[in-house]
């Protein structure tokens, strides 16, 4: 039996928790120290209904030094997870300013999810105090949902790699988006896996 493979690429600013997201999801353990991108490409088998699928997970480095290398990971991607930290309004803005334009330039039509990470820190007093000094506040769920709608992402989801809150949901939604890409704004029809493509913002 041939098992279909879904390629899922994770992008976003440096230090927003992309690698921790993947490590926590695949090992059920949260890395205790900051780990720059060291996550090897990883494949997990997931069941959708009665059908097994191989979910291929690809980590990327968000730093500008990697801007030329990063797109080498993009060909044949079925779904993107565009990540930002809810504790970093700058990383949230870069979803609009950098990541969506980059992904759509290289992979037009591939579904994207916008993913808000580190939600366990949204109400953290020290985080709020630090942001308040810069006249900012943590990114709210409704802000993420609005951006997903504005940018035409499949949807907005948020999670915590530390507590694993909604962590599995992120990847479940990514799989669904890859298998059933959304109808485009231009009125394009839905197509099955390997035809239509889309982005998910986490």
N, C-alpha and C. Protein backbone atom coordinates (compact mmCIF):
# COMPACT_ATOMS: atom_id res chain seq x y z
N UNK A 1 0.84 -1.20 0.00
CA UNK A 1 0.00 0.00 0.00
C UNK A 1 0.88 1.25 0.00
N UNK A 2 0.59 2.17 -0.90
CA UNK A 2 1.34 3.42 -0.96
C UNK A 2 0.72 4.41 0.02
N UNK A 3 1.56 4.94 0.90
CA UNK A 3 1.09 5.93 1.88
C UNK A 3 1.41 7.32 1.35
N UNK A 4 0.40 8.17 1.24
CA UNK A 4 0.61 9.53 0.75
C UNK A 4 1.43 10.33 1.75
N UNK A 5 2.31 11.17 1.22
CA UNK A 5 3.15 12.02 2.06
C UNK A 5 2.69 13.47 1.96
N UNK A 6 2.60 14.12 3.09
CA UNK A 6 2.25 15.54 3.16
C UNK A 6 3.48 16.30 3.62
N UNK A 7 3.93 17.25 2.82
CA UNK A 7 5.11 18.05 3.19
C UNK A 7 4.65 19.33 3.86
N UNK A 8 5.08 19.51 5.11
CA UNK A 8 4.69 20.68 5.92
C UNK A 8 5.96 21.45 6.29
N UNK A 9 6.04 22.70 5.84
CA UNK A 9 7.21 23.54 6.12
C UNK A 9 6.83 24.63 7.12
N UNK A 10 7.67 24.80 8.14
CA UNK A 10 7.41 25.78 9.20
C UNK A 10 8.32 26.98 9.00
N UNK A 11 7.72 28.18 8.90
CA UNK A 11 8.50 29.41 8.72
C UNK A 11 8.09 30.45 9.76
N UNK A 12 8.91 31.49 9.89
CA UNK A 12 8.63 32.56 10.85
C UNK A 12 9.93 33.13 11.37
N UNK A 13 9.84 34.25 12.09
CA UNK A 13 11.02 34.90 12.63
C UNK A 13 11.83 33.96 13.52
N UNK A 14 13.10 34.29 13.71
CA UNK A 14 13.93 33.54 14.64
C UNK A 14 13.42 33.68 16.05
N UNK A 15 13.57 32.64 16.85
CA UNK A 15 13.24 32.65 18.28
C UNK A 15 11.75 32.76 18.60
N UNK A 16 10.88 32.46 17.65
CA UNK A 16 9.44 32.47 17.97
C UNK A 16 8.95 31.10 18.43
N UNK A 17 9.83 30.09 18.38
CA UNK A 17 9.44 28.78 18.89
C UNK A 17 9.14 27.73 17.84
N UNK A 18 9.65 27.92 16.61
CA UNK A 18 9.37 26.95 15.54
C UNK A 18 9.95 25.58 15.86
N UNK A 19 11.23 25.57 16.23
CA UNK A 19 11.90 24.30 16.49
C UNK A 19 11.31 23.62 17.73
N UNK A 20 11.03 24.40 18.77
CA UNK A 20 10.40 23.84 19.98
C UNK A 20 9.04 23.23 19.65
N UNK A 21 8.30 23.90 18.77
CA UNK A 21 6.99 23.41 18.33
C UNK A 21 7.13 22.00 17.74
N UNK A 22 8.11 21.83 16.88
CA UNK A 22 8.31 20.54 16.21
C UNK A 22 8.85 19.48 17.16
N UNK A 23 9.81 19.87 18.00
CA UNK A 23 10.38 18.91 18.96
C UNK A 23 9.30 18.45 19.94
N UNK A 24 8.52 19.40 20.46
CA UNK A 24 7.48 19.06 21.43
C UNK A 24 6.43 18.14 20.80
N UNK A 25 6.06 18.43 19.55
CA UNK A 25 5.04 17.63 18.86
C UNK A 25 5.53 16.21 18.57
N UNK A 26 6.78 16.09 18.13
CA UNK A 26 7.26 14.78 17.69
C UNK A 26 7.82 13.92 18.83
N UNK A 27 8.25 14.54 19.94
CA UNK A 27 8.85 13.76 21.03
C UNK A 27 8.06 13.83 22.33
N UNK A 28 7.05 14.73 22.37
CA UNK A 28 6.28 14.97 23.59
C UNK A 28 7.14 15.54 24.71
N UNK A 29 8.27 16.15 24.34
CA UNK A 29 9.13 16.79 25.34
C UNK A 29 9.47 18.19 24.87
N UNK A 30 9.54 19.12 25.83
CA UNK A 30 9.89 20.49 25.50
C UNK A 30 11.38 20.70 25.76
N UNK A 31 12.14 21.20 24.77
CA UNK A 31 13.57 21.43 25.01
C UNK A 31 13.78 22.52 26.04
N UNK A 32 14.67 22.30 26.99
CA UNK A 32 14.80 23.22 28.13
C UNK A 32 15.63 24.46 27.81
N UNK A 33 16.44 24.41 26.76
CA UNK A 33 17.26 25.57 26.42
C UNK A 33 16.89 26.05 25.02
N UNK A 34 17.30 27.30 24.70
CA UNK A 34 17.04 27.82 23.35
C UNK A 34 17.82 26.98 22.35
N UNK A 35 17.13 26.48 21.36
CA UNK A 35 17.80 25.68 20.34
C UNK A 35 17.64 26.36 18.99
N UNK A 36 18.71 26.97 18.47
CA UNK A 36 18.61 27.46 17.09
C UNK A 36 18.27 26.27 16.21
N UNK A 37 17.89 26.51 14.98
CA UNK A 37 17.32 25.45 14.16
C UNK A 37 18.23 24.23 14.04
N UNK A 38 17.90 23.20 14.78
CA UNK A 38 18.67 21.96 14.73
C UNK A 38 17.75 20.76 14.50
N UNK A 39 16.49 21.04 14.31
CA UNK A 39 15.51 19.96 14.12
C UNK A 39 15.73 19.32 12.75
N UNK A 40 16.09 18.05 12.75
CA UNK A 40 16.24 17.37 11.47
C UNK A 40 14.85 17.16 10.87
N UNK A 41 14.80 17.15 9.55
CA UNK A 41 13.52 16.85 8.91
C UNK A 41 13.00 15.54 9.49
N UNK A 42 11.72 15.52 9.78
CA UNK A 42 11.17 14.41 10.55
C UNK A 42 9.88 13.96 9.90
N UNK A 43 9.66 12.67 9.90
CA UNK A 43 8.41 12.15 9.33
C UNK A 43 7.63 11.41 10.41
N UNK A 44 6.36 11.74 10.52
CA UNK A 44 5.49 11.03 11.46
C UNK A 44 4.32 10.45 10.67
N UNK A 45 3.85 9.30 11.10
CA UNK A 45 2.69 8.69 10.46
C UNK A 45 1.45 9.09 11.24
N UNK A 46 0.48 9.62 10.54
CA UNK A 46 -0.77 10.05 11.19
C UNK A 46 -1.94 9.38 10.48
N UNK A 47 -2.99 9.13 11.24
CA UNK A 47 -4.19 8.53 10.67
C UNK A 47 -5.25 9.61 10.48
N UNK A 48 -5.76 9.71 9.28
CA UNK A 48 -6.89 10.60 9.01
C UNK A 48 -8.05 9.69 8.63
N UNK A 49 -8.98 9.55 9.56
CA UNK A 49 -10.01 8.53 9.37
C UNK A 49 -9.33 7.17 9.41
N UNK A 50 -9.52 6.38 8.37
CA UNK A 50 -8.87 5.07 8.29
C UNK A 50 -7.62 5.10 7.41
N UNK A 51 -7.27 6.29 6.93
CA UNK A 51 -6.17 6.39 5.98
C UNK A 51 -4.88 6.84 6.67
N UNK A 52 -3.77 6.08 6.49
CA UNK A 52 -2.49 6.54 7.04
C UNK A 52 -1.82 7.54 6.10
N UNK A 53 -1.22 8.56 6.67
CA UNK A 53 -0.45 9.54 5.90
C UNK A 53 0.89 9.73 6.57
N UNK A 54 1.90 10.02 5.77
CA UNK A 54 3.20 10.39 6.32
C UNK A 54 3.28 11.91 6.30
N UNK A 55 3.46 12.50 7.48
CA UNK A 55 3.59 13.95 7.59
C UNK A 55 5.08 14.28 7.67
N UNK A 56 5.60 14.89 6.61
CA UNK A 56 7.01 15.28 6.59
C UNK A 56 7.14 16.70 7.10
N UNK A 57 7.88 16.88 8.18
CA UNK A 57 8.01 18.19 8.83
C UNK A 57 9.37 18.80 8.53
N UNK A 58 9.37 20.03 8.03
CA UNK A 58 10.60 20.71 7.65
C UNK A 58 10.74 22.01 8.44
N UNK A 59 11.80 22.09 9.22
CA UNK A 59 12.09 23.29 10.00
C UNK A 59 12.90 24.25 9.12
N UNK A 60 12.79 25.55 9.39
CA UNK A 60 13.61 26.53 8.67
C UNK A 60 14.16 27.54 9.66
N UNK A 61 15.25 28.20 9.27
CA UNK A 61 15.84 29.24 10.10
C UNK A 61 15.24 30.58 9.69
N UNK A 62 14.78 31.37 10.67
CA UNK A 62 14.12 32.62 10.35
C UNK A 62 15.06 33.80 10.15
N UNK A 63 16.31 33.67 10.59
CA UNK A 63 17.24 34.79 10.52
C UNK A 63 17.52 35.19 9.07
N UNK A 64 17.79 36.50 8.88
CA UNK A 64 18.02 37.02 7.53
C UNK A 64 19.21 36.35 6.84
N UNK A 65 20.17 35.87 7.63
CA UNK A 65 21.34 35.21 7.04
C UNK A 65 20.93 34.03 6.15
N UNK A 66 19.75 33.49 6.42
CA UNK A 66 19.31 32.29 5.70
C UNK A 66 18.31 32.60 4.59
N UNK A 67 18.12 33.89 4.27
CA UNK A 67 17.08 34.25 3.30
C UNK A 67 17.28 33.59 1.94
N UNK A 68 18.54 33.36 1.55
CA UNK A 68 18.78 32.74 0.24
C UNK A 68 18.69 31.22 0.29
N UNK A 69 19.05 30.65 1.43
CA UNK A 69 19.03 29.19 1.56
C UNK A 69 17.64 28.64 1.85
N UNK A 70 16.85 29.40 2.63
CA UNK A 70 15.57 28.90 3.12
C UNK A 70 14.64 28.41 2.00
N UNK A 71 14.52 29.16 0.89
CA UNK A 71 13.58 28.72 -0.15
C UNK A 71 13.92 27.37 -0.78
N UNK A 72 15.13 26.86 -0.54
CA UNK A 72 15.46 25.54 -1.06
C UNK A 72 14.59 24.46 -0.43
N UNK A 73 14.00 24.78 0.73
CA UNK A 73 13.10 23.82 1.40
C UNK A 73 11.69 23.85 0.83
N UNK A 74 11.38 24.85 0.00
CA UNK A 74 9.99 25.10 -0.37
C UNK A 74 9.38 24.23 -1.47
N UNK A 75 10.15 23.76 -2.46
CA UNK A 75 9.49 23.01 -3.55
C UNK A 75 8.68 21.81 -3.06
N UNK A 76 7.55 21.60 -3.69
CA UNK A 76 6.64 20.48 -3.39
C UNK A 76 6.00 20.56 -2.00
N UNK A 77 6.01 21.75 -1.40
CA UNK A 77 5.35 21.89 -0.10
C UNK A 77 3.84 21.81 -0.27
N UNK A 78 3.19 21.07 0.63
CA UNK A 78 1.73 20.93 0.60
C UNK A 78 1.04 21.93 1.50
N UNK A 79 1.72 22.36 2.57
CA UNK A 79 1.13 23.32 3.50
C UNK A 79 2.25 24.01 4.28
N UNK A 80 2.07 25.30 4.52
CA UNK A 80 3.01 26.07 5.34
C UNK A 80 2.38 26.42 6.68
N UNK A 81 3.19 26.37 7.72
CA UNK A 81 2.82 26.92 9.02
C UNK A 81 3.63 28.20 9.19
N UNK A 82 2.95 29.33 9.18
CA UNK A 82 3.62 30.63 9.31
C UNK A 82 3.50 31.07 10.76
N UNK A 83 4.61 31.02 11.49
CA UNK A 83 4.58 31.19 12.95
C UNK A 83 5.02 32.57 13.41
N UNK A 84 4.43 33.00 14.52
CA UNK A 84 4.90 34.18 15.24
C UNK A 84 4.66 33.90 16.72
N UNK A 85 5.35 34.66 17.58
CA UNK A 85 5.12 34.52 19.02
C UNK A 85 4.12 35.57 19.47
N UNK A 86 3.14 35.17 20.26
CA UNK A 86 2.15 36.13 20.76
C UNK A 86 2.81 37.15 21.70
N UNK A 87 4.04 36.87 22.14
CA UNK A 87 4.77 37.81 23.00
C UNK A 87 5.61 38.78 22.19
N UNK A 88 5.59 38.66 20.86
CA UNK A 88 6.42 39.50 20.00
C UNK A 88 5.60 40.13 18.88
N UNK A 89 5.08 41.34 19.12
CA UNK A 89 4.33 42.03 18.07
C UNK A 89 5.13 42.19 16.77
N UNK A 90 6.46 42.32 16.90
CA UNK A 90 7.29 42.47 15.69
C UNK A 90 7.23 41.21 14.84
N UNK A 91 7.27 40.04 15.49
CA UNK A 91 7.20 38.79 14.72
C UNK A 91 5.82 38.62 14.07
N UNK A 92 4.80 39.16 14.73
CA UNK A 92 3.44 39.13 14.19
C UNK A 92 3.35 39.99 12.93
N UNK A 93 3.93 41.20 12.98
CA UNK A 93 3.92 42.08 11.81
C UNK A 93 4.68 41.46 10.64
N UNK A 94 5.73 40.71 10.97
CA UNK A 94 6.53 40.10 9.90
C UNK A 94 5.79 38.99 9.17
N UNK A 95 4.74 38.46 9.78
CA UNK A 95 3.89 37.51 9.05
C UNK A 95 3.37 38.20 7.79
N UNK A 96 2.91 39.43 7.96
CA UNK A 96 2.37 40.21 6.84
C UNK A 96 3.48 40.77 5.95
N UNK A 97 4.53 41.30 6.58
CA UNK A 97 5.55 42.03 5.84
C UNK A 97 6.56 41.13 5.13
N UNK A 98 6.88 40.00 5.75
CA UNK A 98 7.94 39.14 5.19
C UNK A 98 7.48 37.75 4.79
N UNK A 99 6.85 37.04 5.74
CA UNK A 99 6.66 35.60 5.52
C UNK A 99 5.60 35.27 4.48
N UNK A 100 4.47 35.95 4.52
CA UNK A 100 3.45 35.66 3.50
C UNK A 100 3.96 36.02 2.11
N UNK A 101 4.56 37.21 1.94
CA UNK A 101 5.09 37.53 0.60
C UNK A 101 6.14 36.51 0.13
N UNK A 102 7.02 36.08 1.04
CA UNK A 102 8.07 35.12 0.64
C UNK A 102 7.46 33.78 0.21
N UNK A 103 6.56 33.27 1.03
CA UNK A 103 5.94 31.98 0.73
C UNK A 103 5.15 32.04 -0.56
N UNK A 104 4.38 33.11 -0.74
CA UNK A 104 3.54 33.19 -1.93
C UNK A 104 4.35 33.47 -3.19
N UNK A 105 5.51 34.10 -3.03
CA UNK A 105 6.39 34.31 -4.18
C UNK A 105 6.93 32.97 -4.69
N UNK A 106 7.37 32.13 -3.77
CA UNK A 106 7.98 30.86 -4.14
C UNK A 106 6.95 29.75 -4.39
N UNK A 107 5.83 29.80 -3.68
CA UNK A 107 4.83 28.73 -3.77
C UNK A 107 3.42 29.31 -3.86
N UNK A 108 3.13 30.00 -4.95
CA UNK A 108 1.79 30.60 -5.06
C UNK A 108 0.70 29.55 -4.97
N UNK A 109 -0.31 29.85 -4.16
CA UNK A 109 -1.45 28.95 -4.06
C UNK A 109 -1.34 27.85 -3.02
N UNK A 110 -0.16 27.69 -2.41
CA UNK A 110 -0.02 26.65 -1.38
C UNK A 110 -0.71 27.13 -0.11
N UNK A 111 -1.54 26.27 0.53
CA UNK A 111 -2.26 26.71 1.72
C UNK A 111 -1.33 27.06 2.88
N UNK A 112 -1.69 28.08 3.64
CA UNK A 112 -0.90 28.51 4.80
C UNK A 112 -1.80 28.62 6.03
N UNK A 113 -1.25 28.21 7.16
CA UNK A 113 -1.90 28.46 8.45
C UNK A 113 -1.04 29.48 9.19
N UNK A 114 -1.67 30.42 9.86
CA UNK A 114 -0.93 31.33 10.73
C UNK A 114 -0.99 30.75 12.14
N UNK A 115 0.19 30.60 12.75
CA UNK A 115 0.27 29.95 14.06
C UNK A 115 0.84 30.91 15.10
N UNK A 116 0.06 31.17 16.14
CA UNK A 116 0.54 31.96 17.27
C UNK A 116 1.16 31.02 18.29
N UNK A 117 2.44 31.20 18.60
CA UNK A 117 3.14 30.31 19.54
C UNK A 117 3.30 30.99 20.91
N UNK A 118 3.73 30.20 21.87
CA UNK A 118 4.06 30.69 23.22
C UNK A 118 2.85 31.33 23.93
N UNK A 119 1.66 30.77 23.71
CA UNK A 119 0.47 31.37 24.33
C UNK A 119 0.49 31.22 25.85
N UNK A 120 1.32 30.32 26.37
CA UNK A 120 1.44 30.20 27.83
C UNK A 120 2.03 31.46 28.45
N UNK A 121 2.67 32.31 27.63
CA UNK A 121 3.30 33.54 28.14
C UNK A 121 2.45 34.79 27.90
N UNK A 122 1.29 34.62 27.28
CA UNK A 122 0.48 35.80 26.93
C UNK A 122 0.09 36.60 28.17
N UNK A 123 -0.24 35.91 29.26
CA UNK A 123 -0.65 36.60 30.49
C UNK A 123 0.49 36.70 31.51
N UNK A 124 1.71 36.37 31.10
CA UNK A 124 2.86 36.42 32.00
C UNK A 124 3.16 37.87 32.38
N UNK A 125 3.25 38.13 33.69
CA UNK A 125 3.41 39.51 34.17
C UNK A 125 4.68 40.16 33.64
N UNK A 126 5.78 39.43 33.64
CA UNK A 126 7.05 40.03 33.19
C UNK A 126 7.02 40.33 31.69
N UNK A 127 6.37 39.47 30.93
CA UNK A 127 6.24 39.70 29.49
C UNK A 127 5.40 40.94 29.23
N UNK A 128 4.27 41.04 29.93
CA UNK A 128 3.39 42.19 29.74
C UNK A 128 4.07 43.49 30.16
N UNK A 129 4.85 43.41 31.25
CA UNK A 129 5.56 44.60 31.73
C UNK A 129 6.61 45.05 30.72
N UNK A 130 7.34 44.08 30.19
CA UNK A 130 8.39 44.39 29.21
C UNK A 130 7.79 45.04 27.96
N UNK A 131 6.67 44.49 27.48
CA UNK A 131 6.01 45.05 26.30
C UNK A 131 5.41 46.42 26.59
N UNK A 132 4.87 46.58 27.81
CA UNK A 132 4.25 47.86 28.18
C UNK A 132 5.27 49.00 28.14
N UNK A 133 6.52 48.69 28.48
CA UNK A 133 7.57 49.71 28.44
C UNK A 133 7.82 50.20 27.01
N UNK A 134 7.45 49.37 26.05
CA UNK A 134 7.59 49.75 24.64
C UNK A 134 6.24 50.17 24.05
N UNK A 135 5.27 50.38 24.96
CA UNK A 135 3.91 50.76 24.56
C UNK A 135 3.29 49.71 23.64
N UNK A 136 3.53 48.46 23.99
CA UNK A 136 2.96 47.35 23.23
C UNK A 136 2.30 46.37 24.20
N UNK A 137 1.62 45.39 23.65
CA UNK A 137 1.00 44.34 24.45
C UNK A 137 1.06 43.03 23.67
N UNK A 138 0.86 41.90 24.36
CA UNK A 138 0.86 40.62 23.64
C UNK A 138 -0.20 40.60 22.53
N UNK A 139 0.07 39.83 21.50
CA UNK A 139 -0.87 39.72 20.38
C UNK A 139 -2.09 38.92 20.82
N UNK A 140 -3.27 39.46 20.55
CA UNK A 140 -4.52 38.80 20.96
C UNK A 140 -4.97 37.80 19.89
N UNK A 141 -5.77 36.84 20.34
CA UNK A 141 -6.31 35.84 19.40
C UNK A 141 -7.05 36.53 18.25
N UNK A 142 -7.87 37.54 18.59
CA UNK A 142 -8.65 38.19 17.53
C UNK A 142 -7.77 38.89 16.50
N UNK A 143 -6.57 39.35 16.94
CA UNK A 143 -5.64 39.96 15.98
C UNK A 143 -5.15 38.91 14.99
N UNK A 144 -4.84 37.72 15.51
CA UNK A 144 -4.39 36.64 14.63
C UNK A 144 -5.47 36.21 13.67
N UNK A 145 -6.70 36.13 14.17
CA UNK A 145 -7.82 35.72 13.32
C UNK A 145 -8.06 36.74 12.21
N UNK A 146 -7.93 38.03 12.56
CA UNK A 146 -8.14 39.08 11.56
C UNK A 146 -7.06 39.02 10.49
N UNK A 147 -5.81 38.82 10.93
CA UNK A 147 -4.73 38.76 9.94
C UNK A 147 -4.90 37.56 9.01
N UNK A 148 -5.31 36.43 9.56
CA UNK A 148 -5.53 35.25 8.73
C UNK A 148 -6.57 35.54 7.66
N UNK A 149 -7.62 36.23 8.06
CA UNK A 149 -8.68 36.58 7.11
C UNK A 149 -8.17 37.57 6.07
N UNK A 150 -7.44 38.59 6.54
CA UNK A 150 -6.92 39.62 5.63
C UNK A 150 -5.96 39.05 4.60
N UNK A 151 -5.13 38.09 5.03
CA UNK A 151 -4.10 37.55 4.14
C UNK A 151 -4.57 36.35 3.33
N UNK A 152 -5.77 35.86 3.64
CA UNK A 152 -6.26 34.70 2.91
C UNK A 152 -5.65 33.40 3.37
N UNK A 153 -5.23 33.35 4.65
CA UNK A 153 -4.72 32.10 5.21
C UNK A 153 -5.89 31.14 5.42
N UNK A 154 -5.58 29.85 5.51
CA UNK A 154 -6.63 28.87 5.74
C UNK A 154 -7.34 29.19 7.05
N UNK A 155 -6.55 29.43 8.10
CA UNK A 155 -7.12 29.83 9.38
C UNK A 155 -6.01 30.24 10.32
N UNK A 156 -6.40 30.76 11.48
CA UNK A 156 -5.46 31.09 12.55
C UNK A 156 -5.60 30.07 13.66
N UNK A 157 -4.47 29.55 14.12
CA UNK A 157 -4.48 28.64 15.26
C UNK A 157 -3.37 29.08 16.21
N UNK A 158 -3.52 28.76 17.48
CA UNK A 158 -2.46 29.11 18.43
C UNK A 158 -2.23 27.96 19.40
N UNK A 159 -1.02 27.93 19.96
CA UNK A 159 -0.66 26.78 20.79
C UNK A 159 0.50 27.15 21.72
N UNK A 160 0.81 26.21 22.59
CA UNK A 160 1.99 26.31 23.45
C UNK A 160 2.78 25.02 23.32
N UNK A 161 4.04 25.14 22.90
CA UNK A 161 4.90 23.96 22.83
C UNK A 161 5.27 23.50 24.24
N UNK A 162 5.30 24.44 25.19
CA UNK A 162 5.68 24.11 26.57
C UNK A 162 4.60 23.26 27.25
N UNK A 163 3.36 23.73 27.22
CA UNK A 163 2.27 23.01 27.89
C UNK A 163 1.57 22.03 26.94
N UNK A 164 1.88 22.12 25.65
CA UNK A 164 1.26 21.33 24.58
C UNK A 164 -0.22 21.70 24.37
N UNK A 165 -0.62 22.85 24.89
CA UNK A 165 -1.99 23.34 24.66
C UNK A 165 -2.21 23.52 23.16
N UNK A 166 -3.22 22.82 22.64
CA UNK A 166 -3.63 22.90 21.23
C UNK A 166 -2.52 22.54 20.24
N UNK A 167 -1.44 21.95 20.73
CA UNK A 167 -0.31 21.65 19.86
C UNK A 167 -0.69 20.65 18.76
N UNK A 168 -1.35 19.57 19.14
CA UNK A 168 -1.76 18.57 18.14
C UNK A 168 -2.74 19.17 17.14
N UNK A 169 -3.59 20.09 17.61
CA UNK A 169 -4.57 20.71 16.72
C UNK A 169 -3.90 21.42 15.55
N UNK A 170 -2.76 22.06 15.83
CA UNK A 170 -2.04 22.79 14.79
C UNK A 170 -1.72 21.87 13.62
N UNK A 171 -1.18 20.70 13.94
CA UNK A 171 -0.76 19.79 12.88
C UNK A 171 -1.95 19.07 12.25
N UNK A 172 -2.98 18.81 13.05
CA UNK A 172 -4.21 18.24 12.48
C UNK A 172 -4.80 19.20 11.44
N UNK A 173 -4.84 20.48 11.78
CA UNK A 173 -5.38 21.48 10.86
C UNK A 173 -4.51 21.60 9.61
N UNK A 174 -3.20 21.47 9.79
CA UNK A 174 -2.29 21.54 8.65
C UNK A 174 -2.55 20.39 7.68
N UNK A 175 -2.78 19.20 8.23
CA UNK A 175 -3.04 18.02 7.40
C UNK A 175 -4.34 18.21 6.62
N UNK A 176 -5.37 18.67 7.31
CA UNK A 176 -6.66 18.90 6.65
C UNK A 176 -6.51 19.92 5.53
N UNK A 177 -5.75 20.99 5.79
CA UNK A 177 -5.55 22.03 4.77
C UNK A 177 -4.80 21.48 3.56
N UNK A 178 -3.83 20.61 3.81
CA UNK A 178 -3.06 20.03 2.70
C UNK A 178 -3.91 19.09 1.85
N UNK A 179 -4.80 18.35 2.52
CA UNK A 179 -5.64 17.39 1.81
C UNK A 179 -6.80 18.05 1.09
N UNK A 180 -7.29 19.14 1.67
CA UNK A 180 -8.42 19.84 1.06
C UNK A 180 -8.13 21.33 1.00
N UNK A 181 -7.26 21.74 0.08
CA UNK A 181 -6.94 23.16 -0.02
C UNK A 181 -8.20 23.98 -0.22
N UNK A 182 -8.24 25.18 0.36
CA UNK A 182 -9.43 26.01 0.31
C UNK A 182 -9.67 26.57 -1.08
N UNK A 183 -10.90 26.94 -1.35
CA UNK A 183 -11.21 27.62 -2.59
C UNK A 183 -10.52 28.98 -2.56
N UNK A 184 -9.92 29.37 -3.66
CA UNK A 184 -9.20 30.64 -3.70
C UNK A 184 -10.19 31.80 -3.77
N UNK A 185 -9.67 33.00 -3.46
CA UNK A 185 -10.52 34.18 -3.51
C UNK A 185 -11.01 34.45 -4.93
N UNK A 186 -10.21 33.98 -5.91
CA UNK A 186 -10.59 34.20 -7.30
C UNK A 186 -11.72 33.25 -7.72
N UNK A 187 -12.13 32.41 -6.77
CA UNK A 187 -13.24 31.51 -7.09
C UNK A 187 -12.79 30.19 -7.68
N UNK A 188 -11.49 29.91 -7.52
CA UNK A 188 -10.99 28.63 -8.02
C UNK A 188 -11.65 27.49 -7.27
N UNK A 189 -11.76 26.35 -7.91
CA UNK A 189 -12.43 25.24 -7.24
C UNK A 189 -11.44 24.49 -6.36
N UNK A 190 -11.98 23.81 -5.39
CA UNK A 190 -11.15 22.99 -4.52
C UNK A 190 -10.57 21.84 -5.32
N UNK A 191 -9.31 21.55 -5.06
CA UNK A 191 -8.72 20.39 -5.69
C UNK A 191 -8.08 19.55 -4.61
N UNK A 192 -7.88 18.30 -4.90
CA UNK A 192 -7.33 17.39 -3.90
C UNK A 192 -5.84 17.55 -3.71
N UNK A 193 -5.28 16.70 -2.89
CA UNK A 193 -3.86 16.74 -2.57
C UNK A 193 -3.02 16.74 -3.83
N UNK A 194 -1.95 17.55 -3.82
CA UNK A 194 -0.97 17.68 -4.89
C UNK A 194 -1.47 18.53 -6.04
N UNK A 195 -2.68 19.09 -5.94
CA UNK A 195 -3.13 19.98 -7.00
C UNK A 195 -3.25 21.38 -6.42
N UNK A 196 -4.33 21.65 -5.69
CA UNK A 196 -4.46 22.95 -5.05
C UNK A 196 -3.52 23.04 -3.86
N UNK A 197 -3.10 24.24 -3.51
CA UNK A 197 -2.20 24.41 -2.37
C UNK A 197 -2.68 25.58 -1.51
N UNK A 198 -2.28 25.66 -0.22
CA UNK A 198 -2.68 26.77 0.65
C UNK A 198 -1.78 26.96 1.85
N UNK A 199 -1.95 28.06 2.63
CA UNK A 199 -1.09 28.35 3.80
C UNK A 199 -1.87 28.40 5.09
N UNK A 200 -1.28 27.94 6.19
CA UNK A 200 -1.92 28.00 7.50
C UNK A 200 -1.12 28.88 8.42
N UNK A 201 -1.74 29.85 9.08
CA UNK A 201 -1.01 30.70 10.01
C UNK A 201 -1.23 30.19 11.42
N UNK A 202 -0.16 29.88 12.13
CA UNK A 202 -0.27 29.31 13.47
C UNK A 202 -0.09 30.36 14.53
